[in-house]
Amino acid sequence: RPMHCGALDACRAFAGGVDSLERQLPTPDDDVTAVLKEAVSHFRDFDRECVTVNAQMTEDQANVVVSYRDKGIERIKTAVDMMDRIEAQ
């Protein structure tokens, strides 16, 4: 199987995780919901671009795709920190 098939499978698996995250929205806290919606948006960008990744891409193009995922992960971490603070109150 060519390499890009594995990448496609990974993209699809990732999309399923984003769908399940989206089903948890809204959360009881509006601020957390807003941050998670941003995460979903970044992940959707990643998901859309993920399937276009190929060996002919420049490093810059590939980095842009990865940055969508990284921004989404950063938002998730922010949301988790917010939820921890809410529970600690």
PDB file of N, CA and C in Angstrom:
ATOM      1  N   ARG A   1       0.842  -1.207   0.000  1.00  0.00           N
ATOM      2  CA  ARG A   1       0.000   0.000   0.000  1.00  0.00           C
ATOM      3  C   ARG A   1       0.875   1.255   0.000  1.00  0.00           C
ATOM      4  N   PRO A   2       0.565   2.200  -0.856  1.00  0.00           N
ATOM      5  CA  PRO A   2       1.358   3.428  -0.868  1.00  0.00           C
ATOM      6  C   PRO A   2       1.234   4.172   0.459  1.00  0.00           C
ATOM      7  N   MET A   3       2.240   4.967   0.772  1.00  0.00           N
ATOM      8  CA  MET A   3       2.296   5.686   2.043  1.00  0.00           C
ATOM      9  C   MET A   3       1.050   6.525   2.264  1.00  0.00           C
ATOM     10  N   HIS A   4       0.553   7.187   1.214  1.00  0.00           N
ATOM     11  CA  HIS A   4      -0.548   8.128   1.428  1.00  0.00           C
ATOM     12  C   HIS A   4      -1.833   7.436   1.877  1.00  0.00           C
ATOM     13  N   CYS A   5      -1.970   6.143   1.613  1.00  0.00           N
ATOM     14  CA  CYS A   5      -3.159   5.417   2.114  1.00  0.00           C
ATOM     15  C   CYS A   5      -3.158   5.388   3.639  1.00  0.00           C
ATOM     16  N   GLY A   6      -1.999   5.143   4.213  1.00  0.00           N
ATOM     17  CA  GLY A   6      -1.886   5.147   5.669  1.00  0.00           C
ATOM     18  C   GLY A   6      -2.217   6.519   6.228  1.00  0.00           C
ATOM     19  N   ALA A   7      -1.746   7.564   5.547  1.00  0.00           N
ATOM     20  CA  ALA A   7      -2.022   8.927   5.979  1.00  0.00           C
ATOM     21  C   ALA A   7      -3.519   9.201   5.919  1.00  0.00           C
ATOM     22  N   LEU A   8      -4.157   8.721   4.872  1.00  0.00           N
ATOM     23  CA  LEU A   8      -5.598   8.917   4.711  1.00  0.00           C
ATOM     24  C   LEU A   8      -6.366   8.233   5.837  1.00  0.00           C
ATOM     25  N   ASP A   9      -5.955   6.999   6.166  1.00  0.00           N
ATOM     26  CA  ASP A   9      -6.592   6.265   7.265  1.00  0.00           C
ATOM     27  C   ASP A   9      -6.440   7.039   8.570  1.00  0.00           C
ATOM     28  N   ALA A  10      -5.241   7.586   8.791  1.00  0.00           N
ATOM     29  CA  ALA A  10      -4.986   8.352  10.010  1.00  0.00           C
ATOM     30  C   ALA A  10      -5.873   9.596  10.048  1.00  0.00           C
ATOM     31  N   CYS A  11      -6.028  10.239   8.899  1.00  0.00           N
ATOM     32  CA  CYS A  11      -6.883  11.423   8.828  1.00  0.00           C
ATOM     33  C   CYS A  11      -8.322  11.067   9.184  1.00  0.00           C
ATOM     34  N   ARG A  12      -8.787   9.958   8.645  1.00  0.00           N
ATOM     35  CA  ARG A  12     -10.176   9.548   8.890  1.00  0.00           C
ATOM     36  C   ARG A  12     -10.394   9.213  10.355  1.00  0.00           C
ATOM     37  N   ALA A  13      -9.426   8.516  10.956  1.00  0.00           N
ATOM     38  CA  ALA A  13      -9.531   8.159  12.371  1.00  0.00           C
ATOM     39  C   ALA A  13      -9.573   9.433  13.210  1.00  0.00           C
ATOM     40  N   PHE A  14      -8.753  10.400  12.822  1.00  0.00           N
ATOM     41  CA  PHE A  14      -8.686  11.676  13.522  1.00  0.00           C
ATOM     42  C   PHE A  14     -10.028  12.393  13.432  1.00  0.00           C
ATOM     43  N   ALA A  15     -10.629  12.387  12.260  1.00  0.00           N
ATOM     44  CA  ALA A  15     -11.914  13.053  12.050  1.00  0.00           C
ATOM     45  C   ALA A  15     -12.977  12.468  12.971  1.00  0.00           C
ATOM     46  N   GLY A  16     -12.958  11.162  13.174  1.00  0.00           N
ATOM     47  CA  GLY A  16     -13.910  10.514  14.069  1.00  0.00           C
ATOM     48  C   GLY A  16     -13.784  11.033  15.486  1.00  0.00           C
ATOM     49  N   GLY A  17     -12.539  11.273  15.932  1.00  0.00           N
ATOM     50  CA  GLY A  17     -12.307  11.821  17.268  1.00  0.00           C
ATOM     51  C   GLY A  17     -12.862  13.233  17.391  1.00  0.00           C
ATOM     52  N   VAL A  18     -12.713  14.021  16.324  1.00  0.00           N
ATOM     53  CA  VAL A  18     -13.226  15.397  16.337  1.00  0.00           C
ATOM     54  C   VAL A  18     -14.750  15.378  16.397  1.00  0.00           C
ATOM     55  N   ASP A  19     -15.373  14.443  15.668  1.00  0.00           N
ATOM     56  CA  ASP A  19     -16.834  14.316  15.702  1.00  0.00           C
ATOM     57  C   ASP A  19     -17.314  14.030  17.115  1.00  0.00           C
ATOM     58  N   SER A  20     -16.629  13.124  17.815  1.00  0.00           N
ATOM     59  CA  SER A  20     -17.075  12.778  19.175  1.00  0.00           C
ATOM     60  C   SER A  20     -16.850  13.955  20.127  1.00  0.00           C
ATOM     61  N   LEU A  21     -15.785  14.716  19.895  1.00  0.00           N
ATOM     62  CA  LEU A  21     -15.563  15.922  20.701  1.00  0.00           C
ATOM     63  C   LEU A  21     -16.707  16.910  20.479  1.00  0.00           C
ATOM     64  N   GLU A  22     -17.074  17.092  19.231  1.00  0.00           N
ATOM     65  CA  GLU A  22     -18.119  18.055  18.892  1.00  0.00           C
ATOM     66  C   GLU A  22     -19.458  17.661  19.518  1.00  0.00           C
ATOM     67  N   ARG A  23     -19.687  16.365  19.658  1.00  0.00           N
ATOM     68  CA  ARG A  23     -20.950  15.896  20.253  1.00  0.00           C
ATOM     69  C   ARG A  23     -21.041  16.237  21.740  1.00  0.00           C
ATOM     70  N   GLN A  24     -19.893  16.536  22.379  1.00  0.00           N
ATOM     71  CA  GLN A  24     -19.894  16.898  23.807  1.00  0.00           C
ATOM     72  C   GLN A  24     -20.304  18.360  24.009  1.00  0.00           C
ATOM     73  N   LEU A  25     -20.409  19.110  22.930  1.00  0.00           N
ATOM     74  CA  LEU A  25     -20.707  20.546  23.031  1.00  0.00           C
ATOM     75  C   LEU A  25     -22.212  20.793  23.007  1.00  0.00           C
ATOM     76  N   PRO A  26     -22.703  21.839  23.619  1.00  0.00           N
ATOM     77  CA  PRO A  26     -21.913  22.740  24.469  1.00  0.00           C
ATOM     78  C   PRO A  26     -21.654  22.144  25.838  1.00  0.00           C
ATOM     79  N   THR A  27     -20.607  22.629  26.492  1.00  0.00           N
ATOM     80  CA  THR A  27     -20.331  22.232  27.875  1.00  0.00           C
ATOM     81  C   THR A  27     -21.127  23.169  28.790  1.00  0.00           C
ATOM     82  N   PRO A  28     -21.185  22.844  30.089  1.00  0.00           N
ATOM     83  CA  PRO A  28     -21.919  23.738  31.010  1.00  0.00           C
ATOM     84  C   PRO A  28     -21.300  25.134  31.115  1.00  0.00           C
ATOM     85  N   ASP A  29     -20.027  25.270  30.727  1.00  0.00           N
ATOM     86  CA  ASP A  29     -19.340  26.553  30.853  1.00  0.00           C
ATOM     87  C   ASP A  29     -19.141  27.176  29.467  1.00  0.00           C
ATOM     88  N   ASP A  30     -19.669  28.383  29.282  1.00  0.00           N
ATOM     89  CA  ASP A  30     -19.613  29.045  27.969  1.00  0.00           C
ATOM     90  C   ASP A  30     -18.183  29.279  27.486  1.00  0.00           C
ATOM     91  N   ASP A  31     -17.292  29.648  28.419  1.00  0.00           N
ATOM     92  CA  ASP A  31     -15.906  29.915  28.029  1.00  0.00           C
ATOM     93  C   ASP A  31     -15.225  28.640  27.538  1.00  0.00           C
ATOM     94  N   VAL A  32     -15.448  27.551  28.251  1.00  0.00           N
ATOM     95  CA  VAL A  32     -14.872  26.258  27.845  1.00  0.00           C
ATOM     96  C   VAL A  32     -15.438  25.857  26.481  1.00  0.00           C
ATOM     97  N   THR A  33     -16.738  26.034  26.309  1.00  0.00           N
ATOM     98  CA  THR A  33     -17.378  25.709  25.033  1.00  0.00           C
ATOM     99  C   THR A  33     -16.735  26.489  23.891  1.00  0.00           C
ATOM    100  N   ALA A  34     -16.498  27.779  24.113  1.00  0.00           N
ATOM    101  CA  ALA A  34     -15.892  28.627  23.072  1.00  0.00           C
ATOM    102  C   ALA A  34     -14.510  28.117  22.683  1.00  0.00           C
ATOM    103  N   VAL A  35     -13.714  27.758  23.690  1.00  0.00           N
ATOM    104  CA  VAL A  35     -12.361  27.268  23.425  1.00  0.00           C
ATOM    105  C   VAL A  35     -12.410  25.931  22.682  1.00  0.00           C
ATOM    106  N   LEU A  36     -13.323  25.063  23.091  1.00  0.00           N
ATOM    107  CA  LEU A  36     -13.442  23.757  22.420  1.00  0.00           C
ATOM    108  C   LEU A  36     -13.943  23.914  20.988  1.00  0.00           C
ATOM    109  N   LYS A  37     -14.808  24.884  20.757  1.00  0.00           N
ATOM    110  CA  LYS A  37     -15.260  25.141  19.386  1.00  0.00           C
ATOM    111  C   LYS A  37     -14.095  25.591  18.509  1.00  0.00           C
ATOM    112  N   GLU A  38     -13.198  26.398  19.083  1.00  0.00           N
ATOM    113  CA  GLU A  38     -11.997  26.807  18.351  1.00  0.00           C
ATOM    114  C   GLU A  38     -11.146  25.578  18.030  1.00  0.00           C
ATOM    115  N   ALA A  39     -11.009  24.680  19.008  1.00  0.00           N
ATOM    116  CA  ALA A  39     -10.241  23.453  18.796  1.00  0.00           C
ATOM    117  C   ALA A  39     -10.843  22.645  17.649  1.00  0.00           C
ATOM    118  N   VAL A  40     -12.163  22.473  17.682  1.00  0.00           N
ATOM    119  CA  VAL A  40     -12.853  21.721  16.621  1.00  0.00           C
ATOM    120  C   VAL A  40     -12.596  22.368  15.266  1.00  0.00           C
ATOM    121  N   SER A  41     -12.655  23.698  15.223  1.00  0.00           N
ATOM    122  CA  SER A  41     -12.430  24.421  13.975  1.00  0.00           C
ATOM    123  C   SER A  41     -11.024  24.169  13.429  1.00  0.00           C
ATOM    124  N   HIS A  42     -10.013  24.241  14.307  1.00  0.00           N
ATOM    125  CA  HIS A  42      -8.639  23.967  13.879  1.00  0.00           C
ATOM    126  C   HIS A  42      -8.504  22.528  13.395  1.00  0.00           C
ATOM    127  N   PHE A  43      -9.125  21.598  14.135  1.00  0.00           N
ATOM    128  CA  PHE A  43      -9.041  20.188  13.753  1.00  0.00           C
ATOM    129  C   PHE A  43      -9.744  19.931  12.419  1.00  0.00           C
ATOM    130  N   ARG A  44     -10.844  20.638  12.179  1.00  0.00           N
ATOM    131  CA  ARG A  44     -11.536  20.499  10.892  1.00  0.00           C
ATOM    132  C   ARG A  44     -10.643  20.993   9.742  1.00  0.00           C
ATOM    133  N   ASP A  45      -9.929  22.107   9.986  1.00  0.00           N
ATOM    134  CA  ASP A  45      -8.970  22.600   8.987  1.00  0.00           C
ATOM    135  C   ASP A  45      -7.900  21.546   8.727  1.00  0.00           C
ATOM    136  N   PHE A  46      -7.391  20.973   9.820  1.00  0.00           N
ATOM    137  CA  PHE A  46      -6.373  19.933   9.694  1.00  0.00           C
ATOM    138  C   PHE A  46      -6.916  18.747   8.910  1.00  0.00           C
ATOM    139  N   ASP A  47      -8.127  18.351   9.271  1.00  0.00           N
ATOM    140  CA  ASP A  47      -8.763  17.198   8.647  1.00  0.00           C
ATOM    141  C   ASP A  47      -8.946  17.427   7.142  1.00  0.00           C
ATOM    142  N   ARG A  48      -9.356  18.635   6.782  1.00  0.00           N
ATOM    143  CA  ARG A  48      -9.584  18.956   5.372  1.00  0.00           C
ATOM    144  C   ARG A  48      -8.262  18.949   4.592  1.00  0.00           C
ATOM    145  N   GLU A  49      -7.219  19.497   5.203  1.00  0.00           N
ATOM    146  CA  GLU A  49      -5.930  19.614   4.525  1.00  0.00           C
ATOM    147  C   GLU A  49      -5.099  18.330   4.603  1.00  0.00           C
ATOM    148  N   CYS A  50      -5.388  17.531   5.621  1.00  0.00           N
ATOM    149  CA  CYS A  50      -4.604  16.320   5.894  1.00  0.00           C
ATOM    150  C   CYS A  50      -4.545  15.412   4.667  1.00  0.00           C
ATOM    151  N   VAL A  51      -5.655  15.264   4.000  1.00  0.00           N
ATOM    152  CA  VAL A  51      -5.723  14.355   2.854  1.00  0.00           C
ATOM    153  C   VAL A  51      -4.925  14.873   1.652  1.00  0.00           C
ATOM    154  N   THR A  52      -4.523  16.150   1.681  1.00  0.00           N
ATOM    155  CA  THR A  52      -3.762  16.710   0.568  1.00  0.00           C
ATOM    156  C   THR A  52      -2.255  16.536   0.755  1.00  0.00           C
ATOM    157  N   VAL A  53      -1.845  16.049   1.937  1.00  0.00           N
ATOM    158  CA  VAL A  53      -0.417  15.901   2.215  1.00  0.00           C
ATOM    159  C   VAL A  53       0.165  14.834   1.309  1.00  0.00           C
ATOM    160  N   ASN A  54       1.261  15.165   0.659  1.00  0.00           N
ATOM    161  CA  ASN A  54       1.930  14.193  -0.199  1.00  0.00           C
ATOM    162  C   ASN A  54       3.419  14.511  -0.285  1.00  0.00           C
ATOM    163  N   ALA A  55       4.164  13.621  -0.890  1.00  0.00           N
ATOM    164  CA  ALA A  55       5.624  13.746  -0.960  1.00  0.00           C
ATOM    165  C   ALA A  55       6.066  14.960  -1.772  1.00  0.00           C
ATOM    166  N   GLN A  56       5.184  15.478  -2.640  1.00  0.00           N
ATOM    167  CA  GLN A  56       5.547  16.626  -3.481  1.00  0.00           C
ATOM    168  C   GLN A  56       5.405  17.965  -2.749  1.00  0.00           C
ATOM    169  N   MET A  57       4.776  17.925  -1.571  1.00  0.00           N
ATOM    170  CA  MET A  57       4.576  19.160  -0.824  1.00  0.00           C
ATOM    171  C   MET A  57       5.901  19.739  -0.367  1.00  0.00           C
ATOM    172  N   THR A  58       5.960  21.053  -0.298  1.00  0.00           N
ATOM    173  CA  THR A  58       7.122  21.687   0.325  1.00  0.00           C
ATOM    174  C   THR A  58       7.009  21.513   1.838  1.00  0.00           C
ATOM    175  N   GLU A  59       8.126  21.692   2.510  1.00  0.00           N
ATOM    176  CA  GLU A  59       8.117  21.589   3.969  1.00  0.00           C
ATOM    177  C   GLU A  59       7.197  22.644   4.571  1.00  0.00           C
ATOM    178  N   ASP A  60       7.210  23.855   3.977  1.00  0.00           N
ATOM    179  CA  ASP A  60       6.346  24.929   4.469  1.00  0.00           C
ATOM    180  C   ASP A  60       4.872  24.541   4.387  1.00  0.00           C
ATOM    181  N   GLN A  61       4.483  23.937   3.253  1.00  0.00           N
ATOM    182  CA  GLN A  61       3.076  23.528   3.078  1.00  0.00           C
ATOM    183  C   GLN A  61       2.700  22.479   4.119  1.00  0.00           C
ATOM    184  N   ALA A  62       3.579  21.517   4.325  1.00  0.00           N
ATOM    185  CA  ALA A  62       3.316  20.461   5.303  1.00  0.00           C
ATOM    186  C   ALA A  62       3.227  21.046   6.711  1.00  0.00           C
ATOM    187  N   ASN A  63       4.098  22.018   6.998  1.00  0.00           N
ATOM    188  CA  ASN A  63       4.098  22.645   8.329  1.00  0.00           C
ATOM    189  C   ASN A  63       2.790  23.383   8.609  1.00  0.00           C
ATOM    190  N   VAL A  64       2.220  23.993   7.578  1.00  0.00           N
ATOM    191  CA  VAL A  64       0.934  24.694   7.737  1.00  0.00           C
ATOM    192  C   VAL A  64      -0.141  23.700   8.161  1.00  0.00           C
ATOM    193  N   VAL A  65      -0.170  22.542   7.504  1.00  0.00           N
ATOM    194  CA  VAL A  65      -1.165  21.516   7.836  1.00  0.00           C
ATOM    195  C   VAL A  65      -0.986  21.067   9.287  1.00  0.00           C
ATOM    196  N   VAL A  66       0.256  20.786   9.662  1.00  0.00           N
ATOM    197  CA  VAL A  66       0.537  20.332  11.028  1.00  0.00           C
ATOM    198  C   VAL A  66       0.172  21.411  12.048  1.00  0.00           C
ATOM    199  N   SER A  67       0.350  22.684  11.665  1.00  0.00           N
ATOM    200  CA  SER A  67       0.050  23.777  12.605  1.00  0.00           C
ATOM    201  C   SER A  67      -1.434  23.813  12.967  1.00  0.00           C
ATOM    202  N   TYR A  68      -2.302  23.415  12.032  1.00  0.00           N
ATOM    203  CA  TYR A  68      -3.743  23.351  12.353  1.00  0.00           C
ATOM    204  C   TYR A  68      -3.971  22.372  13.503  1.00  0.00           C
ATOM    205  N   ARG A  69      -3.330  21.211  13.386  1.00  0.00           N
ATOM    206  CA  ARG A  69      -3.478  20.200  14.433  1.00  0.00           C
ATOM    207  C   ARG A  69      -2.909  20.719  15.755  1.00  0.00           C
ATOM    208  N   ASP A  70      -1.716  21.336  15.683  1.00  0.00           N
ATOM    209  CA  ASP A  70      -1.071  21.820  16.900  1.00  0.00           C
ATOM    210  C   ASP A  70      -1.907  22.898  17.584  1.00  0.00           C
ATOM    211  N   LYS A  71      -2.507  23.795  16.793  1.00  0.00           N
ATOM    212  CA  LYS A  71      -3.370  24.839  17.362  1.00  0.00           C
ATOM    213  C   LYS A  71      -4.581  24.204  18.038  1.00  0.00           C
ATOM    214  N   GLY A  72      -5.140  23.175  17.419  1.00  0.00           N
ATOM    215  CA  GLY A  72      -6.279  22.471  18.007  1.00  0.00           C
ATOM    216  C   GLY A  72      -5.913  21.832  19.330  1.00  0.00           C
ATOM    217  N   ILE A  73      -4.747  21.180  19.359  1.00  0.00           N
ATOM    218  CA  ILE A  73      -4.278  20.534  20.592  1.00  0.00           C
ATOM    219  C   ILE A  73      -4.053  21.579  21.682  1.00  0.00           C
ATOM    220  N   GLU A  74      -3.492  22.718  21.305  1.00  0.00           N
ATOM    221  CA  GLU A  74      -3.249  23.799  22.261  1.00  0.00           C
ATOM    222  C   GLU A  74      -4.575  24.278  22.860  1.00  0.00           C
ATOM    223  N   ARG A  75      -5.605  24.404  22.036  1.00  0.00           N
ATOM    224  CA  ARG A  75      -6.928  24.818  22.519  1.00  0.00           C
ATOM    225  C   ARG A  75      -7.519  23.768  23.465  1.00  0.00           C
ATOM    226  N   ILE A  76      -7.339  22.493  23.130  1.00  0.00           N
ATOM    227  CA  ILE A  76      -7.820  21.416  24.005  1.00  0.00           C
ATOM    228  C   ILE A  76      -7.154  21.527  25.378  1.00  0.00           C
ATOM    229  N   LYS A  77      -5.831  21.737  25.379  1.00  0.00           N
ATOM    230  CA  LYS A  77      -5.111  21.871  26.649  1.00  0.00           C
ATOM    231  C   LYS A  77      -5.636  23.059  27.447  1.00  0.00           C
ATOM    232  N   THR A  78      -5.903  24.161  26.753  1.00  0.00           N
ATOM    233  CA  THR A  78      -6.457  25.343  27.408  1.00  0.00           C
ATOM    234  C   THR A  78      -7.803  25.013  28.052  1.00  0.00           C
ATOM    235  N   ALA A  79      -8.650  24.309  27.304  1.00  0.00           N
ATOM    236  CA  ALA A  79      -9.974  23.938  27.821  1.00  0.00           C
ATOM    237  C   ALA A  79      -9.850  23.038  29.047  1.00  0.00           C
ATOM    238  N   VAL A  80      -8.916  22.091  29.007  1.00  0.00           N
ATOM    239  CA  VAL A  80      -8.715  21.184  30.141  1.00  0.00           C
ATOM    240  C   VAL A  80      -8.265  21.975  31.375  1.00  0.00           C
ATOM    241  N   ASP A  81      -7.331  22.919  31.168  1.00  0.00           N
ATOM    242  CA  ASP A  81      -6.878  23.769  32.285  1.00  0.00           C
ATOM    243  C   ASP A  81      -8.051  24.550  32.875  1.00  0.00           C
ATOM    244  N   MET A  82      -8.907  25.096  31.997  1.00  0.00           N
ATOM    245  CA  MET A  82     -10.075  25.854  32.454  1.00  0.00           C
ATOM    246  C   MET A  82     -11.013  24.975  33.274  1.00  0.00           C
ATOM    247  N   MET A  83     -11.237  23.750  32.797  1.00  0.00           N
ATOM    248  CA  MET A  83     -12.142  22.830  33.504  1.00  0.00           C
ATOM    249  C   MET A  83     -11.553  22.448  34.859  1.00  0.00           C
ATOM    250  N   ASP A  84     -10.224  22.265  34.893  1.00  0.00           N
ATOM    251  CA  ASP A  84      -9.563  21.947  36.176  1.00  0.00           C
ATOM    252  C   ASP A  84      -9.785  23.082  37.179  1.00  0.00           C
ATOM    253  N   ARG A  85      -9.660  24.322  36.703  1.00  0.00           N
ATOM    254  CA  ARG A  85      -9.855  25.487  37.586  1.00  0.00           C
ATOM    255  C   ARG A  85     -11.306  25.566  38.075  1.00  0.00           C
ATOM    256  N   ILE A  86     -12.249  25.273  37.170  1.00  0.00           N
ATOM    257  CA  ILE A  86     -13.667  25.320  37.541  1.00  0.00           C
ATOM    258  C   ILE A  86     -13.949  24.277  38.642  1.00  0.00           C
ATOM    259  N   GLU A  87     -13.388  23.055  38.435  1.00  0.00           N
ATOM    260  CA  GLU A  87     -13.636  21.986  39.413  1.00  0.00           C
ATOM    261  C   GLU A  87     -12.961  22.293  40.750  1.00  0.00           C
ATOM    262  N   ALA A  88     -11.872  23.044  40.718  1.00  0.00           N
ATOM    263  CA  ALA A  88     -11.120  23.360  41.949  1.00  0.00           C
ATOM    264  C   ALA A  88     -11.813  24.423  42.797  1.00  0.00           C
ATOM    265  N   GLN A  89     -12.749  25.140  42.205  1.00  0.00           N
ATOM    266  CA  GLN A  89     -13.416  26.231  42.930  1.00  0.00           C
ATOM    267  C   GLN A  89     -14.340  25.712  44.017  1.00  0.00           C
TER     268      GLN A  89
END
